[in-house]
Protein backbone atom coordinates (compact mmCIF):
# COMPACT_ATOMS: atom_id res chain seq x y z
CA MET A 1 99.78 119.73 85.00
CA VAL A 2 100.42 120.94 88.48
CA ILE A 3 99.02 118.84 91.55
CA GLY A 4 98.68 120.66 94.86
CA ILE A 5 98.80 118.46 97.96
CA MET A 6 97.73 119.72 101.43
CA ASP A 7 98.44 118.13 104.76
CA SER A 8 99.09 119.49 108.31
CA GLY A 9 102.67 118.05 108.04
CA ILE A 10 104.72 115.20 106.68
CA GLY A 11 101.84 112.73 106.39
CA GLY A 12 100.98 113.61 102.85
CA LEU A 13 104.57 113.05 101.74
CA ASN A 14 103.49 109.39 101.70
CA LEU A 15 100.95 110.30 99.03
CA LEU A 16 103.37 112.57 97.14
CA ALA A 17 105.93 109.85 96.84
CA ARG A 18 103.43 107.52 95.24
CA LEU A 19 102.18 110.06 92.87
CA LEU A 20 105.87 110.83 91.74
CA LYS A 21 106.49 107.04 91.26
CA LEU A 22 103.38 106.95 88.99
CA LYS A 23 104.37 110.17 87.17
CA CYS A 24 101.13 111.74 87.60
CA ALA A 25 102.19 115.47 86.85
CA ASP A 26 104.98 117.67 85.82
CA ARG A 27 104.95 119.71 88.98
CA TYR A 28 103.79 119.30 92.49
CA LEU A 29 103.11 121.83 95.00
CA TYR A 30 103.23 120.56 98.69
CA PHE A 31 101.51 122.59 101.32
CA ALA A 32 102.48 121.72 104.81
CA ASP A 33 100.10 123.64 107.15
CA THR A 34 102.29 123.18 110.18
CA ALA A 35 101.00 126.17 111.90
CA ASN A 36 97.69 124.28 112.30
CA LEU A 37 99.15 121.00 113.17
CA PRO A 38 97.67 118.61 114.32
CA TYR A 39 94.37 118.58 112.50
CA GLY A 40 93.16 115.31 114.18
CA SER A 41 91.90 117.17 117.40
CA LYS A 42 90.14 120.17 115.58
CA ASP A 43 86.47 120.45 114.93
CA ALA A 44 84.93 120.12 111.67
CA ASP A 45 83.96 123.81 111.04
CA THR A 46 87.48 124.80 111.91
CA LEU A 47 88.86 122.37 109.54
CA ARG A 48 86.61 123.32 106.76
CA GLU A 49 87.89 126.87 106.90
CA ILE A 50 91.61 125.71 106.90
CA ALA A 51 90.87 123.58 103.95
CA PHE A 52 89.36 126.39 101.88
CA ARG A 53 92.21 128.63 102.62
CA GLY A 54 94.72 125.89 101.82
CA VAL A 55 93.05 125.05 98.55
CA GLU A 56 92.89 128.82 97.51
CA LYS A 57 96.64 129.02 98.42
CA LEU A 58 97.53 126.07 96.14
CA VAL A 59 95.29 127.38 93.20
CA GLU A 60 96.99 130.78 93.52
CA ARG A 61 100.35 129.16 93.19
CA GLY A 62 99.33 127.38 90.09
CA ALA A 63 97.62 124.10 91.08
CA ASN A 64 94.97 122.86 88.68
CA VAL A 65 94.41 119.67 90.65
CA VAL A 66 94.12 119.53 94.44
CA ILE A 67 94.41 116.60 96.80
CA LEU A 68 93.78 116.68 100.34
CA GLY A 69 96.45 114.33 101.65
CA CYS A 70 94.86 114.03 105.20
CA ASN A 71 92.07 111.80 106.18
CA THR A 72 90.80 114.18 108.77
CA LEU A 73 90.59 117.13 106.45
CA SER A 74 88.97 115.01 103.75
CA VAL A 75 86.10 113.69 105.86
CA CYS A 76 85.31 117.19 107.13
CA ALA A 77 85.87 119.29 104.17
CA LEU A 78 86.12 117.53 100.88
CA GLU A 79 82.42 117.49 99.93
CA SER A 80 82.15 121.29 101.00
CA ILE A 81 84.93 122.30 98.82
CA ARG A 82 83.61 120.33 95.87
CA LYS A 83 80.48 122.33 95.96
CA ARG A 84 82.53 125.58 95.84
CA THR A 85 84.91 124.79 93.00
CA SER A 86 85.06 122.98 89.54
CA LEU A 87 88.68 122.14 90.24
CA PRO A 88 89.50 118.46 90.16
CA LEU A 89 89.66 117.52 93.73
CA PHE A 90 90.58 114.35 95.54
CA GLY A 91 90.72 113.48 99.13
CA LEU A 92 91.72 110.56 101.57
CA LEU A 93 88.54 108.94 102.70
CA PRO A 94 88.67 105.92 105.29
CA ARG A 95 87.75 102.66 103.51
CA PRO A 96 86.48 99.99 105.92
CA GLU A 97 85.69 97.77 103.12
CA LEU A 98 89.39 97.19 102.53
CA THR A 99 89.64 95.45 105.95
CA PHE A 100 89.04 91.74 106.72
CA GLY A 101 88.78 89.62 109.90
CA LYS A 102 89.72 91.21 113.17
CA THR A 103 90.73 94.76 112.40
CA LEU A 104 92.33 97.39 114.42
CA PHE A 105 90.98 100.52 112.66
CA MET A 106 93.48 103.43 113.49
CA THR A 107 92.44 107.02 112.94
CA THR A 108 92.55 110.48 114.55
CA PRO A 109 89.87 111.47 117.11
CA THR A 110 88.08 113.68 114.59
CA THR A 111 88.18 111.37 111.80
CA SER A 112 86.53 108.67 114.01
CA LEU A 113 83.35 110.97 114.29
CA PHE A 114 82.85 110.57 110.46
CA LEU A 115 83.49 106.97 109.85
CA PRO A 116 81.07 104.83 107.97
CA PRO A 117 79.88 101.76 110.11
CA LEU A 118 82.71 99.43 110.91
CA SER A 119 82.26 95.60 111.10
CA LYS A 120 81.60 94.01 114.44
CA ARG A 121 84.96 92.46 114.34
CA SER A 122 86.77 95.91 114.14
CA VAL A 123 88.28 97.84 117.08
CA LEU A 124 88.70 101.56 116.79
CA LEU A 125 91.99 103.09 118.05
CA THR A 126 92.19 106.92 118.10
CA PRO A 127 95.62 107.84 119.72
CA PRO A 128 95.21 111.68 120.17
CA ARG A 129 98.87 112.40 120.15
CA LEU A 130 100.32 110.18 117.64
CA ALA A 131 100.26 112.35 114.52
CA ALA A 132 101.85 115.29 116.35
CA ILE A 133 104.48 112.98 117.77
CA ILE A 134 105.27 111.49 114.35
CA ASP A 135 105.55 115.04 112.84
CA ARG A 136 107.96 116.10 115.40
CA PHE A 137 110.25 113.34 115.75
CA TYR A 138 110.31 111.29 112.45
CA PRO A 139 112.53 109.76 111.11
CA ASP A 140 113.66 109.04 114.82
CA THR A 141 111.10 106.43 115.97
CA ARG A 142 111.96 106.21 119.62
CA GLU A 143 109.30 108.53 120.90
CA ILE A 144 106.73 106.99 118.40
CA GLU A 145 107.55 103.53 119.99
CA ARG A 146 107.13 104.80 123.49
CA TYR A 147 103.81 106.35 122.91
CA LEU A 148 102.41 103.77 120.34
CA CYS A 149 103.57 100.25 121.59
CA PRO A 150 101.72 100.21 124.93
CA LEU A 151 98.48 101.12 122.98
CA LEU A 152 99.05 98.26 120.52
CA ALA A 153 99.85 95.70 123.25
CA PRO A 154 96.26 94.51 123.58
CA TYR A 155 95.72 93.73 119.89
CA GLY A 156 98.02 90.82 119.15
CA ASP A 157 95.09 88.83 117.90
CA MET A 158 94.04 91.17 115.13
CA ASP A 159 94.17 90.02 111.39
CA CYS A 160 94.89 93.43 110.00
CA ALA A 161 95.47 97.11 111.10
CA TYR A 162 93.99 99.80 108.93
CA LEU A 163 95.87 103.15 108.86
CA GLY A 164 93.25 105.84 108.60
CA CYS A 165 95.78 108.82 108.78
CA SER A 166 98.59 109.47 106.32
CA HIS A 167 100.85 110.34 109.02
CA TYR A 168 100.32 106.78 110.61
CA LEU A 169 102.03 105.20 107.56
CA PHE A 170 105.31 106.26 109.29
CA THR A 171 104.57 103.84 111.94
CA LYS A 172 104.50 100.70 109.82
CA GLU A 173 107.79 99.29 111.01
CA VAL A 174 106.72 99.95 114.74
CA ILE A 175 103.38 98.21 114.20
CA ARG A 176 105.06 95.16 112.37
CA ALA A 177 107.43 94.86 115.34
CA ALA A 178 104.67 95.15 117.98
CA LEU A 179 102.13 93.02 115.92
CA PRO A 180 104.04 90.79 113.69
CA LYS A 181 101.09 88.79 112.45
CA VAL A 182 98.97 91.63 111.47
CA LYS A 183 98.63 92.82 107.86
CA ILE A 184 98.83 96.58 107.37
CA LEU A 185 96.33 98.34 105.13
CA GLU A 186 95.97 101.98 104.00
CA ASN A 187 94.15 104.26 101.68
CA VAL A 188 97.00 106.32 100.22
CA THR A 189 98.07 103.63 97.55
CA PRO A 190 94.64 103.31 96.21
CA LEU A 191 94.23 107.01 96.05
CA ALA A 192 97.21 107.54 94.11
CA ALA A 193 96.20 104.89 91.62
CA LEU A 194 92.83 106.64 91.38
CA VAL A 195 94.50 109.97 90.57
CA LYS A 196 96.65 108.16 87.93
CA ALA A 197 93.54 106.60 86.36
CA VAL A 198 91.41 109.78 86.43
CA LEU A 199 93.79 112.49 85.12
CA PRO A 200 94.52 112.79 81.43
CA VAL A 201 96.95 110.39 80.03
CA ARG A 202 100.16 112.22 79.01
CA SER A 203 103.84 111.89 78.94
CA VAL A 204 105.65 113.07 82.10
CA LYS A 205 109.53 113.26 81.89
CA ASN A 206 110.76 115.83 84.34
CA GLN A 207 108.84 116.15 87.73
CA SER A 208 109.47 118.98 90.18
CA VAL A 209 108.26 119.51 93.71
CA ASP A 210 107.88 122.86 95.56
CA PHE A 211 107.28 122.93 99.26
CA LEU A 212 105.12 125.54 100.96
CA PHE A 213 104.78 126.11 104.75
CA SER A 214 102.32 127.95 106.88
CA GLY A 215 104.80 127.63 109.75
CA GLN A 216 108.48 127.30 109.96
CA ASP A 217 110.26 126.39 106.82
CA GLU A 218 111.40 122.71 107.01
CA GLU A 219 112.22 122.22 103.18
CA ARG A 220 115.41 120.27 103.78
CA ARG A 221 113.90 117.97 106.20
CA TYR A 222 110.85 117.22 103.94
CA ALA A 223 112.99 116.68 101.02
CA GLU A 224 115.03 114.22 102.75
CA ILE A 225 111.99 112.33 104.10
CA LEU A 226 110.54 112.35 100.38
CA SER A 227 113.96 111.10 99.00
CA SER A 228 113.90 108.27 101.56
CA LEU A 229 110.22 107.23 100.52
CA LEU A 230 111.25 107.17 96.89
CA SER A 231 114.28 105.25 97.34
């Protein structure tokens, strides 16, 4: 089985790492659509076209299961693509039902337009530059801290922070330092568990990963980040 994962950059590596740990497939194709980074400020029609082209690219390279490893791409394009293909297709959809108490709900600006109703105790934070900053500088977190910490400062009384963008998972330590009482929630781990549960049960021994880029080839950097996530 070959699983294809599409994201605008490094965010989907968080999902790929979890799939590897669960031994969901023999081979993985990771498409980093860096030429179109960031997705979070683009309109839905543009993102649907981007998603269609990306899925086609992964299928042409041999993927027989495709996952949109980006919340923004998923809310805009998942259902549209499902109507056009019989291929098993998964996506990262925001899940407000996972939250509790006072919640800081963090998404990209475009994802926020497609959210289901949030509880009255939820506060929506849509930092427009965060995903791009993460993608450019991680694993160096200094620029991330400079940008994000002032935005987090008013939310010390929150019970949880929900990370509705796969890139945002790389800010966990920054958030924990700024908001030490907050529990961090995300939907990447539940999606990986769903993929494992839905796909046919089979023995997987040797797993391999191939990286594809629409922009500059950054295979070495991506492999290093993935290795750190797996360690």
